[in-house]
Structures are given as structure tokens and as C-alpha cells.
Amino acid sequence: MAPPTGTFLVAYLGDDAVGCGGLKTLAPGLGEVKRMYVAPEARGRGLGRRLLAALEDAARDLGLRALRLDTNERMPEARRLYETSGYRAIPPYNANPYAAFWFEKRLG
């Protein structure tokens, strides 16, 4: 999750780190969002949506044309964020034992 094949972003409220998200290249033109997290005390402020958008911008800068991600059944808010951000359900693309949902978004 470091250039030139990825990135890792940290979100701040003031001086406090309250969120993060990583991006890594899976194959030419295809990336994966990993470890996206917003601390409970920072939720409800649109920070997750802004963090996801920043990861998508970083993916475009890396030349990626699509992003994938996975999540589990205990994260309905995350699923809703991905779905309302243009991610579509896809068949499993990895063997993550904790994942129950897999998504992909084509980047414009």
C-alpha cells in the first residue's frame, strides 16, 4: 500500500487521526481498497465518503480503471456507503474468510 502500486491515507479531525484506508494494485488497471476505517466518534460526518472518494482519486492517479473491495455482514453501514458510491456486488474475488460481500466500481 505504497507508491507506485498503492497508497495509504489517514483522515484527521484537528490533530486526531480518526480514519484510514489503503489501496493496492491487484493487476494492471485493477486495484483493491483495504483497511478502510472511521473511528466511532468520527462517524456521521461524511468522513467515510470523503475518504473513499480520495482513495478513488488516488487510484485514478495510479492508472487504475476499477476498484474492488470486500466487507462482512456485521458492517451494514459500510455496505450502504459502497452501494451508494457506485459499487456493485460481484462474485467473490478472493478467499477472505471474514468477507461476505464483494464489490467493484469502474472508475471514470
PDB file of N, CA and C in Angstrom:
ATOM      1  N   MET A   1       0.827  -1.181   0.000  1.00  0.00           N
ATOM      2  CA  MET A   1       0.000   0.000   0.000  1.00  0.00           C
ATOM      3  C   MET A   1       0.873   1.246   0.000  1.00  0.00           C
ATOM      4  N   ALA A   2       1.819   1.245  -0.923  1.00  0.00           N
ATOM      5  CA  ALA A   2       2.710   2.390  -1.066  1.00  0.00           C
ATOM      6  C   ALA A   2       3.004   2.603  -2.549  1.00  0.00           C
ATOM      7  N   PRO A   3       3.287   3.848  -2.931  1.00  0.00           N
ATOM      8  CA  PRO A   3       3.604   4.115  -4.333  1.00  0.00           C
ATOM      9  C   PRO A   3       4.795   3.256  -4.788  1.00  0.00           C
ATOM     10  N   PRO A   4       4.835   2.830  -5.984  1.00  0.00           N
ATOM     11  CA  PRO A   4       3.991   3.227  -7.106  1.00  0.00           C
ATOM     12  C   PRO A   4       2.790   2.304  -7.343  1.00  0.00           C
ATOM     13  N   THR A   5       2.550   1.335  -6.453  1.00  0.00           N
ATOM     14  CA  THR A   5       1.448   0.388  -6.680  1.00  0.00           C
ATOM     15  C   THR A   5       0.307   0.544  -5.695  1.00  0.00           C
ATOM     16  N   GLY A   6       0.347   1.567  -4.866  1.00  0.00           N
ATOM     17  CA  GLY A   6      -0.715   1.759  -3.887  1.00  0.00           C
ATOM     18  C   GLY A   6      -0.506   3.018  -3.087  1.00  0.00           C
ATOM     19  N   THR A   7      -1.349   3.177  -2.076  1.00  0.00           N
ATOM     20  CA  THR A   7      -1.241   4.327  -1.182  1.00  0.00           C
ATOM     21  C   THR A   7      -1.975   4.003   0.119  1.00  0.00           C
ATOM     22  N   PHE A   8      -1.685   4.758   1.138  1.00  0.00           N
ATOM     23  CA  PHE A   8      -2.391   4.630   2.410  1.00  0.00           C
ATOM     24  C   PHE A   8      -2.692   6.034   2.903  1.00  0.00           C
ATOM     25  N   LEU A   9      -3.973   6.310   3.161  1.00  0.00           N
ATOM     26  CA  LEU A   9      -4.407   7.643   3.582  1.00  0.00           C
ATOM     27  C   LEU A   9      -4.862   7.620   5.034  1.00  0.00           C
ATOM     28  N   VAL A  10      -4.632   8.717   5.719  1.00  0.00           N
ATOM     29  CA  VAL A  10      -5.088   8.885   7.102  1.00  0.00           C
ATOM     30  C   VAL A  10      -5.961  10.135   7.149  1.00  0.00           C
ATOM     31  N   ALA A  11      -7.133  10.003   7.765  1.00  0.00           N
ATOM     32  CA  ALA A  11      -8.067  11.119   7.904  1.00  0.00           C
ATOM     33  C   ALA A  11      -7.929  11.705   9.311  1.00  0.00           C
ATOM     34  N   TYR A  12      -7.957  13.021   9.375  1.00  0.00           N
ATOM     35  CA  TYR A  12      -7.812  13.730  10.652  1.00  0.00           C
ATOM     36  C   TYR A  12      -9.002  14.621  10.922  1.00  0.00           C
ATOM     37  N   LEU A  13      -9.338  14.745  12.191  1.00  0.00           N
ATOM     38  CA  LEU A  13     -10.216  15.794  12.698  1.00  0.00           C
ATOM     39  C   LEU A  13      -9.343  16.589  13.655  1.00  0.00           C
ATOM     40  N   GLY A  14      -8.968  17.788  13.234  1.00  0.00           N
ATOM     41  CA  GLY A  14      -7.998  18.544  14.016  1.00  0.00           C
ATOM     42  C   GLY A  14      -6.674  17.800  13.997  1.00  0.00           C
ATOM     43  N   ASP A  15      -6.122  17.547  15.168  1.00  0.00           N
ATOM     44  CA  ASP A  15      -4.856  16.827  15.269  1.00  0.00           C
ATOM     45  C   ASP A  15      -5.031  15.326  15.459  1.00  0.00           C
ATOM     46  N   ASP A  16      -6.274  14.866  15.513  1.00  0.00           N
ATOM     47  CA  ASP A  16      -6.533  13.455  15.805  1.00  0.00           C
ATOM     48  C   ASP A  16      -6.767  12.634  14.541  1.00  0.00           C
ATOM     49  N   ALA A  17      -6.007  11.552  14.415  1.00  0.00           N
ATOM     50  CA  ALA A  17      -6.236  10.598  13.326  1.00  0.00           C
ATOM     51  C   ALA A  17      -7.500   9.813  13.669  1.00  0.00           C
ATOM     52  N   VAL A  18      -8.498   9.869  12.786  1.00  0.00           N
ATOM     53  CA  VAL A  18      -9.789   9.232  13.076  1.00  0.00           C
ATOM     54  C   VAL A  18     -10.237   8.276  11.974  1.00  0.00           C
ATOM     55  N   GLY A  19      -9.428   8.126  10.946  1.00  0.00           N
ATOM     56  CA  GLY A  19      -9.813   7.222   9.869  1.00  0.00           C
ATOM     57  C   GLY A  19      -8.623   6.896   9.002  1.00  0.00           C
ATOM     58  N   CYS A  20      -8.773   5.836   8.213  1.00  0.00           N
ATOM     59  CA  CYS A  20      -7.707   5.452   7.308  1.00  0.00           C
ATOM     60  C   CYS A  20      -8.269   4.566   6.205  1.00  0.00           C
ATOM     61  N   GLY A  21      -7.474   4.397   5.188  1.00  0.00           N
ATOM     62  CA  GLY A  21      -7.828   3.489   4.104  1.00  0.00           C
ATOM     63  C   GLY A  21      -6.634   3.271   3.211  1.00  0.00           C
ATOM     64  N   GLY A  22      -6.510   2.050   2.725  1.00  0.00           N
ATOM     65  CA  GLY A  22      -5.404   1.705   1.857  1.00  0.00           C
ATOM     66  C   GLY A  22      -5.885   1.312   0.478  1.00  0.00           C
ATOM     67  N   LEU A  23      -4.950   1.344  -0.437  1.00  0.00           N
ATOM     68  CA  LEU A  23      -5.223   1.000  -1.820  1.00  0.00           C
ATOM     69  C   LEU A  23      -4.018   0.230  -2.332  1.00  0.00           C
ATOM     70  N   LYS A  24      -4.279  -0.897  -2.988  1.00  0.00           N
ATOM     71  CA  LYS A  24      -3.180  -1.640  -3.590  1.00  0.00           C
ATOM     72  C   LYS A  24      -3.599  -2.132  -4.969  1.00  0.00           C
ATOM     73  N   THR A  25      -2.616  -2.300  -5.828  1.00  0.00           N
ATOM     74  CA  THR A  25      -2.864  -2.796  -7.175  1.00  0.00           C
ATOM     75  C   THR A  25      -2.951  -4.313  -7.134  1.00  0.00           C
ATOM     76  N   LEU A  26      -4.012  -4.854  -7.742  1.00  0.00           N
ATOM     77  CA  LEU A  26      -4.175  -6.310  -7.849  1.00  0.00           C
ATOM     78  C   LEU A  26      -3.635  -6.830  -9.174  1.00  0.00           C
ATOM     79  N   ALA A  27      -3.856  -6.075 -10.228  1.00  0.00           N
ATOM     80  CA  ALA A  27      -3.448  -6.431 -11.587  1.00  0.00           C
ATOM     81  C   ALA A  27      -3.413  -5.123 -12.368  1.00  0.00           C
ATOM     82  N   PRO A  28      -2.805  -5.118 -13.542  1.00  0.00           N
ATOM     83  CA  PRO A  28      -2.808  -3.873 -14.317  1.00  0.00           C
ATOM     84  C   PRO A  28      -4.224  -3.320 -14.487  1.00  0.00           C
ATOM     85  N   GLY A  29      -4.415  -2.067 -14.049  1.00  0.00           N
ATOM     86  CA  GLY A  29      -5.708  -1.407 -14.170  1.00  0.00           C
ATOM     87  C   GLY A  29      -6.717  -1.737 -13.093  1.00  0.00           C
ATOM     88  N   LEU A  30      -6.385  -2.653 -12.192  1.00  0.00           N
ATOM     89  CA  LEU A  30      -7.330  -3.106 -11.163  1.00  0.00           C
ATOM     90  C   LEU A  30      -6.715  -2.965  -9.776  1.00  0.00           C
ATOM     91  N   GLY A  31      -7.456  -2.281  -8.878  1.00  0.00           N
ATOM     92  CA  GLY A  31      -6.975  -2.086  -7.523  1.00  0.00           C
ATOM     93  C   GLY A  31      -7.970  -2.583  -6.489  1.00  0.00           C
ATOM     94  N   GLU A  32      -7.526  -2.568  -5.245  1.00  0.00           N
ATOM     95  CA  GLU A  32      -8.363  -3.018  -4.142  1.00  0.00           C
ATOM     96  C   GLU A  32      -8.264  -2.027  -2.988  1.00  0.00           C
ATOM     97  N   VAL A  33      -9.410  -1.669  -2.422  1.00  0.00           N
ATOM     98  CA  VAL A  33      -9.475  -0.845  -1.218  1.00  0.00           C
ATOM     99  C   VAL A  33      -9.371  -1.786  -0.024  1.00  0.00           C
ATOM    100  N   LYS A  34      -8.450  -1.469   0.882  1.00  0.00           N
ATOM    101  CA  LYS A  34      -8.226  -2.292   2.069  1.00  0.00           C
ATOM    102  C   LYS A  34      -8.178  -1.427   3.321  1.00  0.00           C
ATOM    103  N   ARG A  35      -8.585  -2.011   4.419  1.00  0.00           N
ATOM    104  CA  ARG A  35      -8.437  -1.417   5.753  1.00  0.00           C
ATOM    105  C   ARG A  35      -9.081  -0.050   5.896  1.00  0.00           C
ATOM    106  N   MET A  36     -10.196   0.154   5.215  1.00  0.00           N
ATOM    107  CA  MET A  36     -10.897   1.426   5.372  1.00  0.00           C
ATOM    108  C   MET A  36     -11.615   1.408   6.723  1.00  0.00           C
ATOM    109  N   TYR A  37     -11.407   2.473   7.486  1.00  0.00           N
ATOM    110  CA  TYR A  37     -11.953   2.533   8.841  1.00  0.00           C
ATOM    111  C   TYR A  37     -12.147   3.978   9.245  1.00  0.00           C
ATOM    112  N   VAL A  38     -13.260   4.235   9.935  1.00  0.00           N
ATOM    113  CA  VAL A  38     -13.513   5.534  10.572  1.00  0.00           C
ATOM    114  C   VAL A  38     -13.864   5.246  12.023  1.00  0.00           C
ATOM    115  N   ALA A  39     -13.185   5.915  12.940  1.00  0.00           N
ATOM    116  CA  ALA A  39     -13.416   5.713  14.372  1.00  0.00           C
ATOM    117  C   ALA A  39     -14.861   6.058  14.724  1.00  0.00           C
ATOM    118  N   PRO A  40     -15.445   5.322  15.665  1.00  0.00           N
ATOM    119  CA  PRO A  40     -16.844   5.556  16.032  1.00  0.00           C
ATOM    120  C   PRO A  40     -17.158   7.007  16.378  1.00  0.00           C
ATOM    121  N   GLU A  41     -16.255   7.679  17.070  1.00  0.00           N
ATOM    122  CA  GLU A  41     -16.534   9.064  17.474  1.00  0.00           C
ATOM    123  C   GLU A  41     -16.521  10.041  16.304  1.00  0.00           C
ATOM    124  N   ALA A  42     -16.028   9.617  15.137  1.00  0.00           N
ATOM    125  CA  ALA A  42     -15.967  10.495  13.967  1.00  0.00           C
ATOM    126  C   ALA A  42     -17.024  10.149  12.919  1.00  0.00           C
ATOM    127  N   ARG A  43     -17.806   9.133  13.164  1.00  0.00           N
ATOM    128  CA  ARG A  43     -18.802   8.703  12.181  1.00  0.00           C
ATOM    129  C   ARG A  43     -19.967   9.687  12.129  1.00  0.00           C
ATOM    130  N   GLY A  44     -20.683   9.659  10.996  1.00  0.00           N
ATOM    131  CA  GLY A  44     -21.835  10.529  10.818  1.00  0.00           C
ATOM    132  C   GLY A  44     -21.488  11.916  10.310  1.00  0.00           C
ATOM    133  N   ARG A  45     -20.239  12.142   9.919  1.00  0.00           N
ATOM    134  CA  ARG A  45     -19.786  13.449   9.434  1.00  0.00           C
ATOM    135  C   ARG A  45     -19.434  13.424   7.947  1.00  0.00           C
ATOM    136  N   GLY A  46     -19.674  12.283   7.286  1.00  0.00           N
ATOM    137  CA  GLY A  46     -19.332  12.168   5.868  1.00  0.00           C
ATOM    138  C   GLY A  46     -17.871  11.855   5.618  1.00  0.00           C
ATOM    139  N   LEU A  47     -17.140  11.565   6.683  1.00  0.00           N
ATOM    140  CA  LEU A  47     -15.713  11.304   6.558  1.00  0.00           C
ATOM    141  C   LEU A  47     -15.435  10.037   5.741  1.00  0.00           C
ATOM    142  N   GLY A  48     -16.221   8.994   5.946  1.00  0.00           N
ATOM    143  CA  GLY A  48     -16.038   7.757   5.188  1.00  0.00           C
ATOM    144  C   GLY A  48     -16.224   7.978   3.697  1.00  0.00           C
ATOM    145  N   ARG A  49     -17.227   8.741   3.343  1.00  0.00           N
ATOM    146  CA  ARG A  49     -17.488   9.039   1.923  1.00  0.00           C
ATOM    147  C   ARG A  49     -16.341   9.857   1.329  1.00  0.00           C
ATOM    148  N   ARG A  50     -15.833  10.827   2.072  1.00  0.00           N
ATOM    149  CA  ARG A  50     -14.706  11.634   1.576  1.00  0.00           C
ATOM    150  C   ARG A  50     -13.431  10.801   1.479  1.00  0.00           C
ATOM    151  N   LEU A  51     -13.228   9.916   2.423  1.00  0.00           N
ATOM    152  CA  LEU A  51     -12.057   9.044   2.398  1.00  0.00           C
ATOM    153  C   LEU A  51     -12.124   8.098   1.193  1.00  0.00           C
ATOM    154  N   LEU A  52     -13.292   7.525   0.950  1.00  0.00           N
ATOM    155  CA  LEU A  52     -13.460   6.638  -0.198  1.00  0.00           C
ATOM    156  C   LEU A  52     -13.221   7.399  -1.504  1.00  0.00           C
ATOM    157  N   ALA A  53     -13.739   8.615  -1.612  1.00  0.00           N
ATOM    158  CA  ALA A  53     -13.519   9.433  -2.808  1.00  0.00           C
ATOM    159  C   ALA A  53     -12.036   9.742  -3.001  1.00  0.00           C
ATOM    160  N   ALA A  54     -11.328  10.009  -1.914  1.00  0.00           N
ATOM    161  CA  ALA A  54      -9.893  10.287  -2.004  1.00  0.00           C
ATOM    162  C   ALA A  54      -9.131   9.046  -2.459  1.00  0.00           C
ATOM    163  N   LEU A  55      -9.543   7.878  -1.999  1.00  0.00           N
ATOM    164  CA  LEU A  55      -8.914   6.630  -2.456  1.00  0.00           C
ATOM    165  C   LEU A  55      -9.187   6.404  -3.941  1.00  0.00           C
ATOM    166  N   GLU A  56     -10.389   6.719  -4.386  1.00  0.00           N
ATOM    167  CA  GLU A  56     -10.714   6.594  -5.807  1.00  0.00           C
ATOM    168  C   GLU A  56      -9.874   7.551  -6.642  1.00  0.00           C
ATOM    169  N   ASP A  57      -9.684   8.779  -6.167  1.00  0.00           N
ATOM    170  CA  ASP A  57      -8.830   9.740  -6.871  1.00  0.00           C
ATOM    171  C   ASP A  57      -7.391   9.226  -6.944  1.00  0.00           C
ATOM    172  N   ALA A  58      -6.903   8.673  -5.845  1.00  0.00           N
ATOM    173  CA  ALA A  58      -5.551   8.115  -5.824  1.00  0.00           C
ATOM    174  C   ALA A  58      -5.439   6.946  -6.803  1.00  0.00           C
ATOM    175  N   ALA A  59      -6.491   6.138  -6.884  1.00  0.00           N
ATOM    176  CA  ALA A  59      -6.491   5.011  -7.822  1.00  0.00           C
ATOM    177  C   ALA A  59      -6.384   5.514  -9.259  1.00  0.00           C
ATOM    178  N   ARG A  60      -7.134   6.546  -9.590  1.00  0.00           N
ATOM    179  CA  ARG A  60      -7.057   7.127 -10.936  1.00  0.00           C
ATOM    180  C   ARG A  60      -5.637   7.630 -11.215  1.00  0.00           C
ATOM    181  N   ASP A  61      -5.035   8.283 -10.224  1.00  0.00           N
ATOM    182  CA  ASP A  61      -3.669   8.789 -10.383  1.00  0.00           C
ATOM    183  C   ASP A  61      -2.679   7.654 -10.631  1.00  0.00           C
ATOM    184  N   LEU A  62      -2.979   6.472 -10.109  1.00  0.00           N
ATOM    185  CA  LEU A  62      -2.129   5.295 -10.314  1.00  0.00           C
ATOM    186  C   LEU A  62      -2.445   4.576 -11.625  1.00  0.00           C
ATOM    187  N   GLY A  63      -3.439   5.084 -12.358  1.00  0.00           N
ATOM    188  CA  GLY A  63      -3.799   4.465 -13.628  1.00  0.00           C
ATOM    189  C   GLY A  63      -4.754   3.293 -13.503  1.00  0.00           C
ATOM    190  N   LEU A  64      -5.400   3.168 -12.348  1.00  0.00           N
ATOM    191  CA  LEU A  64      -6.352   2.074 -12.153  1.00  0.00           C
ATOM    192  C   LEU A  64      -7.696   2.454 -12.759  1.00  0.00           C
ATOM    193  N   ARG A  65      -8.345   1.504 -13.381  1.00  0.00           N
ATOM    194  CA  ARG A  65      -9.628   1.739 -14.047  1.00  0.00           C
ATOM    195  C   ARG A  65     -10.805   1.148 -13.279  1.00  0.00           C
ATOM    196  N   ALA A  66     -10.517   0.309 -12.280  1.00  0.00           N
ATOM    197  CA  ALA A  66     -11.576  -0.302 -11.472  1.00  0.00           C
ATOM    198  C   ALA A  66     -11.027  -0.593 -10.089  1.00  0.00           C
ATOM    199  N   LEU A  67     -11.930  -0.566  -9.106  1.00  0.00           N
ATOM    200  CA  LEU A  67     -11.570  -0.901  -7.728  1.00  0.00           C
ATOM    201  C   LEU A  67     -12.483  -1.993  -7.217  1.00  0.00           C
ATOM    202  N   ARG A  68     -11.935  -2.857  -6.412  1.00  0.00           N
ATOM    203  CA  ARG A  68     -12.696  -3.893  -5.716  1.00  0.00           C
ATOM    204  C   ARG A  68     -12.502  -3.729  -4.220  1.00  0.00           C
ATOM    205  N   LEU A  69     -13.424  -4.312  -3.481  1.00  0.00           N
ATOM    206  CA  LEU A  69     -13.310  -4.351  -2.027  1.00  0.00           C
ATOM    207  C   LEU A  69     -14.227  -5.433  -1.494  1.00  0.00           C
ATOM    208  N   ASP A  70     -13.993  -5.809  -0.255  1.00  0.00           N
ATOM    209  CA  ASP A  70     -14.888  -6.764   0.399  1.00  0.00           C
ATOM    210  C   ASP A  70     -15.220  -6.257   1.793  1.00  0.00           C
ATOM    211  N   THR A  71     -16.292  -6.795   2.342  1.00  0.00           N
ATOM    212  CA  THR A  71     -16.707  -6.443   3.699  1.00  0.00           C
ATOM    213  C   THR A  71     -17.518  -7.605   4.260  1.00  0.00           C
ATOM    214  N   ASN A  72     -17.875  -7.523   5.534  1.00  0.00           N
ATOM    215  CA  ASN A  72     -18.621  -8.635   6.130  1.00  0.00           C
ATOM    216  C   ASN A  72     -20.023  -8.212   6.554  1.00  0.00           C
ATOM    217  N   GLU A  73     -20.769  -9.181   7.005  1.00  0.00           N
ATOM    218  CA  GLU A  73     -22.190  -8.937   7.316  1.00  0.00           C
ATOM    219  C   GLU A  73     -22.394  -8.057   8.534  1.00  0.00           C
ATOM    220  N   ARG A  74     -21.373  -7.865   9.351  1.00  0.00           N
ATOM    221  CA  ARG A  74     -21.527  -7.028  10.541  1.00  0.00           C
ATOM    222  C   ARG A  74     -21.276  -5.545  10.261  1.00  0.00           C
ATOM    223  N   MET A  75     -21.140  -5.186   8.985  1.00  0.00           N
ATOM    224  CA  MET A  75     -20.858  -3.793   8.627  1.00  0.00           C
ATOM    225  C   MET A  75     -21.884  -3.262   7.631  1.00  0.00           C
ATOM    226  N   PRO A  76     -23.152  -3.184   8.041  1.00  0.00           N
ATOM    227  CA  PRO A  76     -24.169  -2.708   7.096  1.00  0.00           C
ATOM    228  C   PRO A  76     -23.961  -1.261   6.658  1.00  0.00           C
ATOM    229  N   GLU A  77     -23.390  -0.422   7.522  1.00  0.00           N
ATOM    230  CA  GLU A  77     -23.144   0.965   7.138  1.00  0.00           C
ATOM    231  C   GLU A  77     -22.096   1.033   6.033  1.00  0.00           C
ATOM    232  N   ALA A  78     -21.077   0.196   6.123  1.00  0.00           N
ATOM    233  CA  ALA A  78     -20.047   0.159   5.077  1.00  0.00           C
ATOM    234  C   ALA A  78     -20.655  -0.311   3.764  1.00  0.00           C
ATOM    235  N   ARG A  79     -21.455  -1.343   3.806  1.00  0.00           N
ATOM    236  CA  ARG A  79     -22.118  -1.825   2.579  1.00  0.00           C
ATOM    237  C   ARG A  79     -22.959  -0.718   1.956  1.00  0.00           C
ATOM    238  N   ARG A  80     -23.697  -0.009   2.769  1.00  0.00           N
ATOM    239  CA  ARG A  80     -24.541   1.075   2.267  1.00  0.00           C
ATOM    240  C   ARG A  80     -23.675   2.180   1.632  1.00  0.00           C
ATOM    241  N   LEU A  81     -22.565   2.508   2.255  1.00  0.00           N
ATOM    242  CA  LEU A  81     -21.646   3.502   1.700  1.00  0.00           C
ATOM    243  C   LEU A  81     -21.155   3.059   0.326  1.00  0.00           C
ATOM    244  N   TYR A  82     -20.722   1.830   0.211  1.00  0.00           N
ATOM    245  CA  TYR A  82     -20.199   1.347  -1.066  1.00  0.00           C
ATOM    246  C   TYR A  82     -21.293   1.339  -2.131  1.00  0.00           C
ATOM    247  N   GLU A  83     -22.459   0.856  -1.781  1.00  0.00           N
ATOM    248  CA  GLU A  83     -23.548   0.787  -2.754  1.00  0.00           C
ATOM    249  C   GLU A  83     -23.970   2.179  -3.219  1.00  0.00           C
ATOM    250  N   THR A  84     -24.042   3.135  -2.307  1.00  0.00           N
ATOM    251  CA  THR A  84     -24.449   4.494  -2.688  1.00  0.00           C
ATOM    252  C   THR A  84     -23.315   5.277  -3.345  1.00  0.00           C
ATOM    253  N   SER A  85     -22.114   4.705  -3.341  1.00  0.00           N
ATOM    254  CA  SER A  85     -20.966   5.330  -4.002  1.00  0.00           C
ATOM    255  C   SER A  85     -20.677   4.701  -5.359  1.00  0.00           C
ATOM    256  N   GLY A  86     -21.584   3.860  -5.830  1.00  0.00           N
ATOM    257  CA  GLY A  86     -21.441   3.301  -7.172  1.00  0.00           C
ATOM    258  C   GLY A  86     -20.813   1.934  -7.267  1.00  0.00           C
ATOM    259  N   TYR A  87     -20.563   1.299  -6.139  1.00  0.00           N
ATOM    260  CA  TYR A  87     -20.007  -0.054  -6.153  1.00  0.00           C
ATOM    261  C   TYR A  87     -21.136  -1.054  -6.366  1.00  0.00           C
ATOM    262  N   ARG A  88     -20.853  -2.073  -7.161  1.00  0.00           N
ATOM    263  CA  ARG A  88     -21.843  -3.112  -7.486  1.00  0.00           C
ATOM    264  C   ARG A  88     -21.358  -4.447  -6.967  1.00  0.00           C
ATOM    265  N   ALA A  89     -22.296  -5.250  -6.491  1.00  0.00           N
ATOM    266  CA  ALA A  89     -21.963  -6.582  -5.979  1.00  0.00           C
ATOM    267  C   ALA A  89     -21.379  -7.436  -7.097  1.00  0.00           C
ATOM    268  N   ILE A  90     -20.339  -8.192  -6.753  1.00  0.00           N
ATOM    269  CA  ILE A  90     -19.699  -9.117  -7.689  1.00  0.00           C
ATOM    270  C   ILE A  90     -19.476 -10.441  -6.975  1.00  0.00           C
ATOM    271  N   PRO A  91     -19.197 -11.508  -7.727  1.00  0.00           N
ATOM    272  CA  PRO A  91     -18.841 -12.776  -7.080  1.00  0.00           C
ATOM    273  C   PRO A  91     -17.531 -12.619  -6.301  1.00  0.00           C
ATOM    274  N   PRO A  92     -17.278 -13.494  -5.343  1.00  0.00           N
ATOM    275  CA  PRO A  92     -16.022 -13.407  -4.576  1.00  0.00           C
ATOM    276  C   PRO A  92     -14.805 -13.404  -5.501  1.00  0.00           C
ATOM    277  N   TYR A  93     -13.876 -12.517  -5.214  1.00  0.00           N
ATOM    278  CA  TYR A  93     -12.642 -12.436  -5.997  1.00  0.00           C
ATOM    279  C   TYR A  93     -11.420 -12.816  -5.158  1.00  0.00           C
ATOM    280  N   ASN A  94     -11.662 -13.096  -3.886  1.00  0.00           N
ATOM    281  CA  ASN A  94     -10.570 -13.514  -3.002  1.00  0.00           C
ATOM    282  C   ASN A  94     -11.104 -14.570  -2.031  1.00  0.00           C
ATOM    283  N   ALA A  95     -10.227 -15.078  -1.212  1.00  0.00           N
ATOM    284  CA  ALA A  95     -10.610 -16.123  -0.256  1.00  0.00           C
ATOM    285  C   ALA A  95     -10.644 -15.587   1.167  1.00  0.00           C
ATOM    286  N   ASN A  96     -10.967 -14.306   1.329  1.00  0.00           N
ATOM    287  CA  ASN A  96     -11.030 -13.704   2.655  1.00  0.00           C
ATOM    288  C   ASN A  96     -12.089 -14.429   3.486  1.00  0.00           C
ATOM    289  N   PRO A  97     -11.688 -15.119   4.553  1.00  0.00           N
ATOM    290  CA  PRO A  97     -12.669 -15.882   5.341  1.00  0.00           C
ATOM    291  C   PRO A  97     -13.638 -15.004   6.123  1.00  0.00           C
ATOM    292  N   TYR A  98     -13.341 -13.720   6.259  1.00  0.00           N
ATOM    293  CA  TYR A  98     -14.206 -12.813   7.014  1.00  0.00           C
ATOM    294  C   TYR A  98     -15.167 -12.045   6.116  1.00  0.00           C
ATOM    295  N   ALA A  99     -14.988 -12.136   4.811  1.00  0.00           N
ATOM    296  CA  ALA A  99     -15.834 -11.393   3.878  1.00  0.00           C
ATOM    297  C   ALA A  99     -17.110 -12.158   3.562  1.00  0.00           C
ATOM    298  N   ALA A 100     -18.174 -11.403   3.394  1.00  0.00           N
ATOM    299  CA  ALA A 100     -19.454 -11.978   2.970  1.00  0.00           C
ATOM    300  C   ALA A 100     -19.991 -11.254   1.744  1.00  0.00           C
ATOM    301  N   PHE A 101     -19.404 -10.088   1.427  1.00  0.00           N
ATOM    302  CA  PHE A 101     -19.853  -9.270   0.307  1.00  0.00           C
ATOM    303  C   PHE A 101     -18.632  -8.746  -0.434  1.00  0.00           C
ATOM    304  N   TRP A 102     -18.702  -8.785  -1.764  1.00  0.00           N
ATOM    305  CA  TRP A 102     -17.629  -8.305  -2.621  1.00  0.00           C
ATOM    306  C   TRP A 102     -18.212  -7.296  -3.595  1.00  0.00           C
ATOM    307  N   PHE A 103     -17.464  -6.220  -3.845  1.00  0.00           N
ATOM    308  CA  PHE A 103     -17.943  -5.124  -4.694  1.00  0.00           C
ATOM    309  C   PHE A 103     -16.872  -4.697  -5.676  1.00  0.00           C
ATOM    310  N   GLU A 104     -17.345  -4.046  -6.763  1.00  0.00           N
ATOM    311  CA  GLU A 104     -16.434  -3.464  -7.742  1.00  0.00           C
ATOM    312  C   GLU A 104     -17.037  -2.182  -8.283  1.00  0.00           C
ATOM    313  N   LYS A 105     -16.174  -1.230  -8.596  1.00  0.00           N
ATOM    314  CA  LYS A 105     -16.598   0.014  -9.219  1.00  0.00           C
ATOM    315  C   LYS A 105     -15.650   0.333 -10.369  1.00  0.00           C
ATOM    316  N   ARG A 106     -16.229   0.654 -11.502  1.00  0.00           N
ATOM    317  CA  ARG A 106     -15.462   1.150 -12.649  1.00  0.00           C
ATOM    318  C   ARG A 106     -15.224   2.634 -12.430  1.00  0.00           C
ATOM    319  N   LEU A 107     -13.990   3.065 -12.571  1.00  0.00           N
ATOM    320  CA  LEU A 107     -13.652   4.468 -12.366  1.00  0.00           C
ATOM    321  C   LEU A 107     -13.717   5.215 -13.681  1.00  0.00           C
ATOM    322  N   GLY A 108     -14.317   6.393 -13.654  1.00  0.00           N
ATOM    323  CA  GLY A 108     -14.447   7.202 -14.863  1.00  0.00           C
ATOM    324  C   GLY A 108     -13.268   8.099 -15.109  1.00  0.00           C
TER     325      GLY A 108
END
